[in-house]
Amino acid sequence: MPPVQYDFGVEKAKDATKSEERRNEVKRIFEKCWKSYKKHAWMKDELAPIAGGYKNTFGGWAATLVDSLDTLWIMNMKEEFYEAVEAVGKIDFTTSVMDEVNVFETTIRYLGGFLAAYDLSGEQVLRQKAIEVGEMVYVAFDTPNRMPITRWQLHLAAKGYRQEAPEHILVAEIGSLTMEFTRLSQITGDSKWYDATHRIMKVFDKQQDETKLPGMWPVTVNARDADFTQDTWFTLSAMADSLYEYLPKMHALLGGVDEMYARLYERSMATALESIIFRPMVPDKDDILIAGNARVRNPTSEKHEPQNQHLACYAGGMFALGAKLLSRADHLQIANKLTDGCIYSYRAFPLGIMPEIVEMVPCPTKDGCEWNETAWRAAVLESEGREPTESNMKVFDKRLPPGFVRIPDRRYILRPEAIESVFVLYRVSGRQDLLDSAWDMFTAINNATETELANSALADVTITDGKLRRQDSMESFWTAETLKYFYLVFSETNLVSLDEWVFNTEAHPFRRPENA
C-alpha cells in the first residue's frame, strides 16, 4: 500500500529540543492525572477531578485504566504499565454494576484498549482479556438477523431472554465495530468476529445509494429489519462520525485486500463534499472548511445546517489518511482546510478552546465570499427569532466571535478530535506550523481545565470574566486520546508510525497486517 507518513528526514537540534520540552509537559499532566486516578478511583471507570471521588459510567470495568494502557506504554511509563496489566486480570466481564451495556463504547474503549496494549507489548494476558470482551459483546449479535443490540441488557441475556435488534439504532454504533472485531480475528485466527461485522458492512454497501442522500447513511437506522435508508438526518458529526472514520482505516487494517471499504469511503465523501461540507464566511476570508449537517426528506428538499461540532473535527485526519491510502491529492487539500477550520474555531474564542457545538454563516460556494458584517448580524438575530431591525442590529451577544451565529453547546469536555486531526495531518503532510497550533491548543486547554488533582470538563468556554465553570468530569478519553495525541505530535515521527499502525476511534493503535 502507498506510504502514509511524510518523509521528515533528520530533525534540527533546536526543533528537537523544543518538541522534547513540549512532550515532557504533556507527560507531566498525564502523570498527574494517572496518580490521582490511582489514589481516588483505582479500578473504577472515571476519576472525579474536582471532588476526588469516582464514577462508573461504562460497565464499572475500570475504563480509565484499560483505556490508558497504551498511553502508559507510549509514554514509556513501563512500571505503571505493568502494574496496570496485573490489575486488569482482576476485571470480571461476566457481570456489571450497570443494567445496560453500551456495546459500541465497550468495544472501542475496552476491546480496543486491550488489543492496542497487546499489539504494543505482546503481553498475553491482554490478548486473553481482549478475547473475554470479544466473547461477551459477541452475544449481543445473537438476534434473528444477526444485527447487534448496541444498548444491551447484559444480565437479561445471561438469563437466556430472547434478543432482537432494535428498530431505531445510531448508525455510528452499528457501523463502528469493524476495526476492533477485525483485529481480534487477526490476532486469534478466529474469523467469527470479522464475519459478524462484515455482514453488517455488506448491508451498508448494498444500501449506500438507496438512502435519501445517496452516498451517505442517515443518523438512525433500522437494525431489526436491516433497513439503513429511512431517516432524513445526515452528518459526519455526532452519532454518525466513526462509521465514516473507519472506512479508510479498515482499508489500511485489511491491507487493501477488500476494495469495499475504499469504495464506501470515496462514494460517501463525494456526497459529503457536495451536501455536508461548507466554507464559512469569516472576517479575514480564511480558506477553511467545516463539516455540517443536512436534512433531506426527498431529492428536492435538501436543507443544509451550517453547524460545526467538535466531534466532527476528526474529519481532517480522516481525509488526510484517505488521501494517502487511496492516492487522492484532492483529499489532502480538503484535509488541510478542515483541520484549519477547527484550529480557527479554537483561536476564535476567548479561552482559546472551541465549544462543543457552534453554528456559522455559510458562503454560497466553497470558493469563498466577502465578509459582510450586516449579513452576519442579521443571521444572528434570525437564529434568535428576532427581526433584523436597525435597533436590534446594534444590540448583540458579545460572546459571539465574528462569523459565529449561535452556540448551542458552550461546553468543552476534554475532547480529542481537533488535536487528532492536527496530529494525523502533521504526520501525513509535514506541515511545521501545525506543531505551534498543537501547542497553543494544549496550553489553552490545560490552563483552563487543570485542577488540583487532574483536568476537568468546562461548562462554558465563551466566558470573558475569568470565572471558569468547571464540571466534575474527566472521561477516559482524556488520558486515552487527547493527551496521547498531544504527546505523539511532539514525539519522534517513527513513534507509532502511521505506516505501521492505524488508530481506532478511541486512539488505540492497531498493528497493520504487513507488520503483524
Protein backbone atom coordinates (compact mmCIF):
# COMPACT_ATOMS: atom_id res chain seq x y z
CA MET A 1 0.00 0.00 0.00
CA PRO A 2 1.17 3.60 -0.50
CA PRO A 3 3.19 5.15 2.34
CA VAL A 4 1.17 7.37 4.67
CA GLN A 5 3.78 9.34 6.57
CA TYR A 6 5.73 12.30 5.26
CA ASP A 7 9.47 11.81 4.84
CA PHE A 8 10.65 14.05 7.67
CA GLY A 9 14.39 13.46 7.42
CA VAL A 10 16.59 14.49 10.35
CA GLU A 11 15.08 16.98 12.80
CA LYS A 12 17.12 20.09 13.61
CA ALA A 13 18.57 20.09 17.13
CA LYS A 14 16.76 23.29 18.12
CA ASP A 15 13.42 21.92 16.93
CA ALA A 16 14.04 18.61 18.68
CA THR A 17 14.72 20.40 21.96
CA LYS A 18 11.52 22.42 21.70
CA SER A 19 9.48 19.30 20.91
CA GLU A 20 11.03 17.45 23.83
CA GLU A 21 10.13 20.26 26.24
CA ARG A 22 6.55 20.28 24.98
CA ARG A 23 6.30 16.49 25.08
CA ASN A 24 7.56 16.41 28.66
CA GLU A 25 4.93 18.94 29.72
CA VAL A 26 2.18 16.80 28.21
CA LYS A 27 3.59 13.78 30.01
CA ARG A 28 3.69 15.71 33.29
CA ILE A 29 -0.04 16.38 33.02
CA PHE A 30 -0.76 12.74 32.19
CA GLU A 31 1.33 11.56 35.16
CA LYS A 32 -0.61 13.88 37.45
CA CYS A 33 -3.94 12.55 36.17
CA TRP A 34 -2.79 8.94 36.45
CA LYS A 35 -1.53 9.42 40.01
CA SER A 36 -4.88 10.91 41.05
CA TYR A 37 -6.80 8.12 39.31
CA LYS A 38 -4.75 5.54 41.22
CA LYS A 39 -5.34 7.29 44.53
CA HIS A 40 -9.02 8.15 44.21
CA ALA A 41 -10.60 5.92 41.55
CA TRP A 42 -8.46 2.82 41.04
CA MET A 43 -10.36 0.03 39.24
CA LYS A 44 -13.32 2.38 38.68
CA ASP A 45 -14.32 3.90 35.35
CA GLU A 46 -13.55 7.57 35.89
CA LEU A 47 -11.92 9.96 38.32
CA ALA A 48 -13.94 12.91 39.62
CA PRO A 49 -11.20 15.52 39.06
CA ILE A 50 -12.56 18.12 41.47
CA ALA A 51 -14.11 16.20 44.37
CA GLY A 52 -11.67 13.33 44.14
CA GLY A 53 -14.22 10.53 44.01
CA TYR A 54 -15.07 8.18 41.18
CA LYS A 55 -17.81 7.37 38.68
CA ASN A 56 -18.81 4.14 36.98
CA THR A 57 -20.18 5.07 33.58
CA PHE A 58 -19.05 2.26 31.26
CA GLY A 59 -19.83 -1.02 32.94
CA GLY A 60 -17.68 -0.48 36.03
CA TRP A 61 -14.77 -2.35 34.45
CA ALA A 62 -12.04 0.26 35.12
CA ALA A 63 -12.50 2.20 31.88
CA THR A 64 -9.74 4.75 32.54
CA LEU A 65 -7.27 2.01 33.43
CA VAL A 66 -7.92 -0.06 30.29
CA ASP A 67 -8.28 2.97 28.04
CA SER A 68 -4.90 4.29 29.21
CA LEU A 69 -2.80 1.13 28.93
CA ASP A 70 -1.32 2.00 25.56
CA THR A 71 -0.74 5.62 26.63
CA LEU A 72 1.36 4.32 29.52
CA TRP A 73 3.41 2.23 27.10
CA ILE A 74 3.81 5.01 24.53
CA MET A 75 4.93 7.47 27.24
CA ASN A 76 7.47 4.89 28.44
CA MET A 77 5.84 4.57 31.87
CA LYS A 78 6.63 0.86 31.97
CA GLU A 79 6.44 0.42 35.76
CA GLU A 80 2.94 1.89 35.81
CA PHE A 81 2.03 -0.12 32.70
CA TYR A 82 2.91 -3.48 34.24
CA GLU A 83 1.14 -2.55 37.47
CA ALA A 84 -1.97 -1.83 35.41
CA VAL A 85 -1.56 -5.08 33.43
CA GLU A 86 -1.53 -7.01 36.70
CA ALA A 87 -4.71 -5.23 37.76
CA VAL A 88 -6.68 -5.98 34.57
CA GLY A 89 -6.52 -9.67 35.38
CA LYS A 90 -9.00 -8.95 38.18
CA ILE A 91 -11.65 -7.41 35.90
CA ASP A 92 -14.71 -9.66 35.61
CA PHE A 93 -16.55 -9.10 32.33
CA THR A 94 -19.26 -11.64 33.17
CA THR A 95 -21.07 -9.13 35.36
CA SER A 96 -21.56 -5.37 35.54
CA VAL A 97 -22.60 -2.70 38.01
CA MET A 98 -24.90 -1.38 35.27
CA ASP A 99 -28.02 -2.99 33.81
CA GLU A 100 -27.39 -1.70 30.29
CA VAL A 101 -24.10 -2.06 28.43
CA ASN A 102 -23.22 0.20 25.53
CA VAL A 103 -21.71 -2.29 23.08
CA PHE A 104 -20.11 0.44 20.97
CA GLU A 105 -18.36 2.14 23.91
CA THR A 106 -17.35 -1.21 25.38
CA THR A 107 -15.85 -2.22 22.05
CA ILE A 108 -13.86 0.95 21.34
CA ARG A 109 -12.62 1.51 24.91
CA TYR A 110 -12.16 -1.96 26.40
CA LEU A 111 -11.66 -4.25 23.42
CA GLY A 112 -9.71 -1.53 21.60
CA GLY A 113 -7.66 -0.79 24.68
CA PHE A 114 -6.66 -4.41 25.23
CA LEU A 115 -5.88 -5.01 21.55
CA ALA A 116 -3.62 -1.96 21.26
CA ALA A 117 -1.80 -2.67 24.51
CA TYR A 118 -1.26 -6.26 23.36
CA ASP A 119 -0.01 -5.15 19.94
CA LEU A 120 2.46 -2.79 21.60
CA SER A 121 3.71 -5.01 24.43
CA GLY A 122 2.98 -8.61 23.48
CA GLU A 123 1.64 -9.32 26.98
CA GLN A 124 -0.53 -12.45 26.67
CA VAL A 125 -2.91 -11.50 29.48
CA LEU A 126 -4.02 -8.55 27.35
CA ARG A 127 -4.79 -10.84 24.43
CA GLN A 128 -6.82 -13.03 26.76
CA LYS A 129 -8.78 -10.07 28.14
CA ALA A 130 -9.47 -8.91 24.58
CA ILE A 131 -10.94 -12.34 23.85
CA GLU A 132 -13.06 -12.14 27.01
CA VAL A 133 -14.54 -8.80 25.94
CA GLY A 134 -14.98 -10.07 22.41
CA GLU A 135 -16.86 -13.15 23.61
CA MET A 136 -19.09 -11.02 25.82
CA VAL A 137 -20.15 -8.49 23.18
CA TYR A 138 -20.48 -11.24 20.56
CA VAL A 139 -23.58 -12.39 22.44
CA ALA A 140 -25.23 -9.05 21.56
CA PHE A 141 -25.27 -10.32 17.94
CA ASP A 142 -27.40 -13.32 18.95
CA THR A 143 -30.55 -12.00 17.28
CA PRO A 144 -32.74 -13.45 14.50
CA ASN A 145 -30.96 -11.47 11.76
CA ARG A 146 -27.53 -11.26 13.48
CA MET A 147 -27.78 -7.47 13.78
CA PRO A 148 -26.47 -6.43 17.21
CA ILE A 149 -28.25 -4.84 20.14
CA THR A 150 -25.99 -1.87 20.87
CA ARG A 151 -27.69 -0.85 24.13
CA TRP A 152 -27.59 -4.33 25.55
CA GLN A 153 -29.18 -5.83 28.67
CA LEU A 154 -26.25 -7.98 29.76
CA HIS A 155 -27.94 -9.63 32.72
CA LEU A 156 -31.12 -10.48 30.83
CA ALA A 157 -29.03 -12.01 28.05
CA ALA A 158 -27.21 -14.13 30.63
CA LYS A 159 -30.59 -15.48 31.78
CA GLY A 160 -31.48 -16.55 28.24
CA TYR A 161 -34.06 -13.89 27.41
CA ARG A 162 -34.90 -13.60 23.70
CA GLN A 163 -32.99 -10.85 21.93
CA GLU A 164 -33.99 -8.74 18.94
CA ALA A 165 -32.10 -5.87 17.31
CA PRO A 166 -33.91 -2.54 17.81
CA GLU A 167 -35.89 -0.70 15.16
CA HIS A 168 -34.01 2.55 15.86
CA ILE A 169 -30.25 2.47 16.35
CA LEU A 170 -27.48 5.05 15.91
CA VAL A 171 -25.57 4.45 12.69
CA ALA A 172 -22.18 5.05 14.36
CA GLU A 173 -22.89 2.40 16.97
CA ILE A 174 -23.75 -0.35 14.48
CA GLY A 175 -21.20 0.72 11.87
CA SER A 176 -18.14 1.28 14.08
CA LEU A 177 -17.34 -2.18 15.44
CA THR A 178 -15.35 -3.29 12.43
CA MET A 179 -11.79 -2.36 13.38
CA GLU A 180 -11.85 -3.98 16.81
CA PHE A 181 -13.61 -7.16 15.66
CA THR A 182 -11.29 -7.44 12.65
CA ARG A 183 -8.14 -7.01 14.71
CA LEU A 184 -9.40 -9.58 17.22
CA SER A 185 -9.87 -12.07 14.38
CA GLN A 186 -6.39 -11.24 13.07
CA ILE A 187 -4.62 -11.93 16.38
CA THR A 188 -6.65 -15.07 17.23
CA GLY A 189 -7.10 -16.61 13.78
CA ASP A 190 -10.82 -16.96 14.52
CA SER A 191 -12.87 -15.27 11.79
CA LYS A 192 -16.16 -15.18 13.71
CA TRP A 193 -15.70 -11.59 14.91
CA TYR A 194 -14.71 -10.32 11.48
CA ASP A 195 -17.67 -12.18 9.95
CA ALA A 196 -20.09 -10.62 12.46
CA THR A 197 -19.26 -7.05 11.45
CA HIS A 198 -18.56 -7.77 7.79
CA ARG A 199 -22.16 -8.95 7.50
CA ILE A 200 -23.30 -5.51 8.70
CA MET A 201 -21.00 -3.66 6.33
CA LYS A 202 -22.41 -5.59 3.38
CA VAL A 203 -25.78 -4.02 4.22
CA PHE A 204 -24.19 -0.57 4.23
CA ASP A 205 -22.62 -1.39 0.87
CA LYS A 206 -25.87 -2.61 -0.68
CA GLN A 207 -27.93 0.35 0.54
CA GLN A 208 -25.43 3.19 0.08
CA ASP A 209 -27.23 4.65 -2.94
CA GLU A 210 -30.74 3.90 -1.67
CA THR A 211 -30.84 6.50 1.12
CA LYS A 212 -32.47 9.92 0.91
CA LEU A 213 -28.98 11.38 0.42
CA PRO A 214 -27.35 8.78 -1.84
CA GLY A 215 -23.80 8.04 -0.86
CA MET A 216 -24.28 8.67 2.86
CA TRP A 217 -26.31 6.91 5.52
CA PRO A 218 -28.69 8.61 7.97
CA VAL A 219 -28.04 9.07 11.69
CA THR A 220 -30.52 6.38 12.74
CA VAL A 221 -31.14 3.06 11.01
CA ASN A 222 -33.46 0.10 11.49
CA ALA A 223 -31.39 -2.87 12.64
CA ARG A 224 -34.42 -5.10 13.24
CA ASP A 225 -35.34 -5.04 9.55
CA ALA A 226 -31.81 -4.30 8.26
CA ASP A 227 -33.09 -1.12 6.61
CA PHE A 228 -30.50 1.68 6.68
CA THR A 229 -32.31 4.11 4.37
CA GLN A 230 -35.30 5.78 6.01
CA ASP A 231 -34.09 8.57 8.33
CA THR A 232 -33.68 12.12 6.99
CA TRP A 233 -30.72 13.49 9.02
CA PHE A 234 -27.19 13.19 7.62
CA THR A 235 -23.90 14.29 9.17
CA LEU A 236 -20.22 13.48 9.68
CA SER A 237 -20.67 14.56 13.31
CA ALA A 238 -22.13 13.01 16.45
CA MET A 239 -23.94 9.69 16.13
CA ALA A 240 -22.51 9.03 12.66
CA ASP A 241 -18.85 10.08 12.90
CA SER A 242 -16.87 6.88 13.43
CA LEU A 243 -18.82 4.99 10.73
CA TYR A 244 -17.12 7.17 8.13
CA GLU A 245 -13.84 7.39 10.03
CA TYR A 246 -13.48 3.60 9.94
CA LEU A 247 -13.85 3.24 6.16
CA PRO A 248 -10.28 4.27 5.18
CA LYS A 249 -8.94 2.79 8.41
CA MET A 250 -10.44 -0.61 7.59
CA HIS A 251 -8.83 -0.35 4.15
CA ALA A 252 -5.50 0.04 5.95
CA LEU A 253 -6.15 -2.64 8.57
CA LEU A 254 -7.06 -5.18 5.88
CA GLY A 255 -4.08 -4.24 3.75
CA GLY A 256 -6.39 -3.19 0.92
CA VAL A 257 -7.50 -6.78 0.17
CA ASP A 258 -11.21 -5.85 0.26
CA GLU A 259 -11.93 -2.94 -2.06
CA MET A 260 -15.36 -2.42 -0.49
CA TYR A 261 -14.06 -0.04 2.20
CA ALA A 262 -12.24 2.18 -0.28
CA ARG A 263 -15.37 2.32 -2.44
CA LEU A 264 -17.63 3.16 0.51
CA TYR A 265 -15.24 5.89 1.64
CA GLU A 266 -14.83 7.57 -1.74
CA ARG A 267 -18.54 7.47 -2.53
CA SER A 268 -19.61 8.80 0.88
CA MET A 269 -17.04 11.60 0.86
CA ALA A 270 -18.13 12.69 -2.62
CA THR A 271 -21.61 13.19 -1.20
CA ALA A 272 -20.29 14.86 1.95
CA LEU A 273 -18.31 17.36 -0.11
CA GLU A 274 -21.38 18.19 -2.13
CA SER A 275 -24.01 18.37 0.63
CA ILE A 276 -22.37 18.48 4.09
CA ILE A 277 -19.03 20.30 4.00
CA PHE A 278 -19.14 24.09 3.63
CA ARG A 279 -16.91 27.15 3.69
CA PRO A 280 -17.89 29.69 6.35
CA MET A 281 -17.96 33.47 5.98
CA VAL A 282 -15.22 34.84 8.24
CA PRO A 283 -13.63 38.31 8.52
CA ASP A 284 -10.24 37.53 7.00
CA LYS A 285 -11.59 35.21 4.30
CA ASP A 286 -9.59 32.29 5.71
CA ASP A 287 -9.69 29.35 3.31
CA ILE A 288 -11.21 26.89 5.74
CA LEU A 289 -13.91 24.23 5.59
CA ILE A 290 -16.41 22.94 8.14
CA ALA A 291 -18.33 19.65 8.24
CA GLY A 292 -22.01 20.47 8.82
CA ASN A 293 -25.30 18.56 8.62
CA ALA A 294 -28.15 18.10 6.14
CA ARG A 295 -31.86 17.29 6.44
CA VAL A 296 -33.20 15.51 3.38
CA ARG A 297 -36.81 14.33 3.14
CA ASN A 298 -36.68 13.80 -0.62
CA PRO A 299 -34.37 14.74 -3.53
CA THR A 300 -35.92 18.23 -3.78
CA SER A 301 -36.00 19.15 -0.09
CA GLU A 302 -32.36 19.17 1.00
CA LYS A 303 -31.71 21.63 3.84
CA HIS A 304 -28.14 22.36 4.85
CA GLU A 305 -27.29 23.09 8.51
CA PRO A 306 -24.04 25.11 8.83
CA GLN A 307 -23.07 23.63 12.18
CA ASN A 308 -19.59 22.80 13.45
CA GLN A 309 -19.32 20.16 16.16
CA HIS A 310 -16.09 19.47 17.99
CA LEU A 311 -16.77 15.79 17.32
CA ALA A 312 -16.57 16.48 13.57
CA CYS A 313 -13.01 17.79 13.85
CA TYR A 314 -11.76 14.23 13.26
CA ALA A 315 -12.71 14.67 9.59
CA GLY A 316 -9.49 16.46 8.66
CA GLY A 317 -7.46 13.47 9.81
CA MET A 318 -9.80 11.09 8.00
CA PHE A 319 -9.38 12.94 4.70
CA ALA A 320 -5.59 13.05 5.23
CA LEU A 321 -5.43 9.31 5.76
CA GLY A 322 -7.74 8.64 2.81
CA ALA A 323 -5.64 10.92 0.63
CA LYS A 324 -2.51 8.85 1.19
CA LEU A 325 -4.04 5.37 1.25
CA LEU A 326 -6.03 5.94 -1.95
CA SER A 327 -3.69 8.39 -3.71
CA ARG A 328 -6.23 11.22 -3.64
CA ALA A 329 -4.30 14.51 -3.71
CA ASP A 330 -7.59 16.42 -3.70
CA HIS A 331 -8.48 14.87 -0.35
CA LEU A 332 -5.26 16.17 1.16
CA GLN A 333 -6.35 19.71 0.23
CA ILE A 334 -9.69 19.08 1.93
CA ALA A 335 -7.86 17.67 4.97
CA ASN A 336 -5.83 20.85 5.36
CA LYS A 337 -8.87 23.10 5.11
CA LEU A 338 -10.99 21.05 7.53
CA THR A 339 -8.18 20.89 10.10
CA ASP A 340 -7.55 24.61 9.72
CA GLY A 341 -11.28 25.17 10.25
CA CYS A 342 -11.10 23.58 13.68
CA ILE A 343 -7.87 25.42 14.55
CA TYR A 344 -9.66 28.63 13.56
CA SER A 345 -12.57 27.75 15.86
CA TYR A 346 -10.18 27.24 18.77
CA ARG A 347 -8.48 30.59 18.24
CA ALA A 348 -11.75 32.47 17.82
CA PHE A 349 -12.88 32.02 21.43
CA PRO A 350 -11.56 33.85 24.50
CA LEU A 351 -10.12 30.80 26.26
CA GLY A 352 -8.54 29.52 23.04
CA ILE A 353 -10.84 26.47 23.14
CA MET A 354 -13.58 25.52 20.72
CA PRO A 355 -17.05 24.87 22.20
CA GLU A 356 -18.86 21.57 21.76
CA ILE A 357 -21.20 22.92 19.05
CA VAL A 358 -21.25 26.20 17.09
CA GLU A 359 -23.11 27.49 14.06
CA MET A 360 -21.65 29.75 11.36
CA VAL A 361 -22.69 31.67 8.26
CA PRO A 362 -22.02 29.62 5.13
CA CYS A 363 -20.61 31.07 1.92
CA PRO A 364 -22.68 30.25 -1.18
CA THR A 365 -19.80 28.16 -2.56
CA LYS A 366 -16.51 26.67 -1.40
CA ASP A 367 -14.72 29.35 -3.43
CA GLY A 368 -15.35 31.74 -0.55
CA CYS A 369 -17.17 35.04 -0.06
CA GLU A 370 -16.52 38.57 1.15
CA TRP A 371 -17.02 39.34 4.83
CA ASN A 372 -20.37 41.05 5.36
CA GLU A 373 -20.92 42.20 8.94
CA THR A 374 -24.51 43.23 8.23
CA ALA A 375 -25.33 39.77 6.92
CA TRP A 376 -23.64 38.18 9.93
CA ARG A 377 -25.57 40.32 12.43
CA ALA A 378 -28.82 39.60 10.58
CA ALA A 379 -28.11 35.86 10.72
CA VAL A 380 -27.50 36.05 14.48
CA LEU A 381 -30.82 37.83 15.03
CA GLU A 382 -32.69 35.43 12.79
CA SER A 383 -31.26 32.47 14.74
CA GLU A 384 -32.76 34.06 17.87
CA GLY A 385 -36.11 34.59 16.19
CA ARG A 386 -35.64 38.38 16.14
CA GLU A 387 -36.18 40.74 13.25
CA PRO A 388 -33.01 42.37 11.84
CA THR A 389 -34.28 45.88 12.54
CA GLU A 390 -31.91 48.83 12.89
CA SER A 391 -32.25 48.89 16.67
CA ASN A 392 -31.80 45.14 17.01
CA MET A 393 -28.74 45.20 14.77
CA LYS A 394 -26.93 47.33 17.36
CA VAL A 395 -27.56 45.01 20.32
CA PHE A 396 -25.83 41.70 20.28
CA ASP A 397 -24.44 38.85 22.33
CA LYS A 398 -20.81 39.99 22.58
CA ARG A 399 -19.74 36.42 23.36
CA LEU A 400 -20.17 35.55 19.69
CA PRO A 401 -16.95 35.96 17.70
CA PRO A 402 -17.48 37.43 14.24
CA GLY A 403 -18.79 34.79 11.84
CA PHE A 404 -20.36 32.64 14.56
CA VAL A 405 -24.15 32.76 14.60
CA ARG A 406 -25.12 30.62 17.56
CA ILE A 407 -23.50 28.39 20.18
CA PRO A 408 -25.96 25.60 21.05
CA ASP A 409 -23.46 23.93 23.41
CA ARG A 410 -20.76 26.03 25.11
CA ARG A 411 -19.02 23.17 26.91
CA TYR A 412 -15.60 21.64 26.40
CA ILE A 413 -15.43 18.11 27.80
CA LEU A 414 -11.73 17.40 27.15
CA ARG A 415 -12.40 16.12 23.64
CA PRO A 416 -9.57 14.91 21.35
CA GLU A 417 -10.89 15.33 17.79
CA ALA A 418 -9.14 18.60 16.92
CA ILE A 419 -5.69 17.52 18.09
CA GLU A 420 -6.32 14.14 16.47
CA SER A 421 -6.56 15.76 13.04
CA VAL A 422 -3.62 18.07 13.77
CA PHE A 423 -1.52 15.01 14.64
CA VAL A 424 -2.57 12.94 11.63
CA LEU A 425 -2.20 15.85 9.19
CA TYR A 426 1.24 16.67 10.60
CA ARG A 427 2.40 13.07 10.17
CA VAL A 428 0.96 12.99 6.63
CA SER A 429 1.98 16.43 5.34
CA GLY A 430 4.93 17.53 7.47
CA ARG A 431 3.38 21.00 7.97
CA GLN A 432 5.57 22.59 10.66
CA ASP A 433 3.04 25.27 11.63
CA LEU A 434 0.80 22.53 12.99
CA LEU A 435 3.21 22.00 15.90
CA ASP A 436 2.68 25.54 17.14
CA SER A 437 -1.07 25.19 16.65
CA ALA A 438 -0.98 21.99 18.72
CA TRP A 439 0.99 23.72 21.49
CA ASP A 440 -1.42 26.65 21.54
CA MET A 441 -4.32 24.21 21.89
CA PHE A 442 -2.63 22.23 24.64
CA THR A 443 -1.67 25.25 26.74
CA ALA A 444 -5.14 26.78 26.35
CA ILE A 445 -6.84 23.57 27.38
CA ASN A 446 -4.58 22.87 30.32
CA ASN A 447 -4.69 26.47 31.60
CA ALA A 448 -8.48 26.36 31.72
CA THR A 449 -9.10 22.77 32.84
CA GLU A 450 -6.31 21.88 35.29
CA THR A 451 -7.50 21.18 38.81
CA GLU A 452 -5.61 20.26 41.95
CA LEU A 453 -5.98 16.60 41.03
CA ALA A 454 -6.22 16.38 37.24
CA ASN A 455 -8.23 18.12 34.49
CA SER A 456 -11.96 18.77 34.31
CA ALA A 457 -14.60 19.50 31.72
CA LEU A 458 -15.76 23.11 31.30
CA ALA A 459 -19.37 24.26 31.27
CA ASP A 460 -18.70 27.36 29.14
CA VAL A 461 -15.64 28.26 27.07
CA THR A 462 -17.08 31.60 25.93
CA ILE A 463 -16.69 33.38 29.26
CA THR A 464 -14.83 36.68 29.33
CA ASP A 465 -14.91 37.43 33.08
CA GLY A 466 -12.27 34.86 34.03
CA LYS A 467 -14.70 32.89 36.23
CA LEU A 468 -14.19 29.34 34.98
CA ARG A 469 -17.14 26.99 35.44
CA ARG A 470 -15.61 23.57 35.79
CA GLN A 471 -17.58 20.33 35.81
CA ASP A 472 -16.51 17.38 37.95
CA SER A 473 -15.97 15.11 34.96
CA MET A 474 -12.93 13.60 33.26
CA GLU A 475 -13.92 10.96 30.73
CA SER A 476 -11.38 8.27 30.00
CA PHE A 477 -10.76 9.65 26.52
CA TRP A 478 -8.75 12.49 28.11
CA THR A 479 -5.93 10.08 29.00
CA ALA A 480 -6.66 7.60 26.22
CA GLU A 481 -6.92 10.05 23.33
CA THR A 482 -6.39 13.75 23.96
CA LEU A 483 -3.14 13.57 25.92
CA LYS A 484 -1.87 10.70 23.75
CA TYR A 485 -2.29 12.73 20.55
CA PHE A 486 -0.68 15.77 22.15
CA TYR A 487 2.25 13.61 23.24
CA LEU A 488 2.64 11.95 19.84
CA VAL A 489 2.53 15.16 17.83
CA PHE A 490 5.63 16.34 19.73
CA SER A 491 7.37 12.94 19.60
CA GLU A 492 9.80 11.49 17.09
CA THR A 493 7.80 10.69 13.98
CA ASN A 494 8.71 6.99 14.00
CA LEU A 495 6.93 6.52 17.33
CA VAL A 496 3.68 4.75 16.34
CA SER A 497 4.28 5.42 12.65
CA LEU A 498 1.13 5.64 10.54
CA ASP A 499 2.85 3.35 8.02
CA GLU A 500 2.79 0.58 10.63
CA TRP A 501 -0.23 1.40 12.82
CA VAL A 502 -3.81 2.57 12.43
CA PHE A 503 -5.79 4.15 15.28
CA ASN A 504 -9.31 3.22 16.27
CA THR A 505 -11.77 5.95 17.24
CA GLU A 506 -10.53 5.85 20.85
CA ALA A 507 -6.93 6.49 19.72
CA HIS A 508 -5.89 2.87 20.25
CA PRO A 509 -3.21 1.91 17.69
CA PHE A 510 -3.62 -1.45 15.95
CA ARG A 511 -0.70 -3.00 14.11
CA ARG A 512 -1.29 -3.05 10.35
CA PRO A 513 -1.14 -6.57 8.86
CA GLU A 514 2.03 -6.31 6.79
CA ASN A 515 3.87 -5.60 10.07
CA ALA A 516 1.93 -8.02 12.26
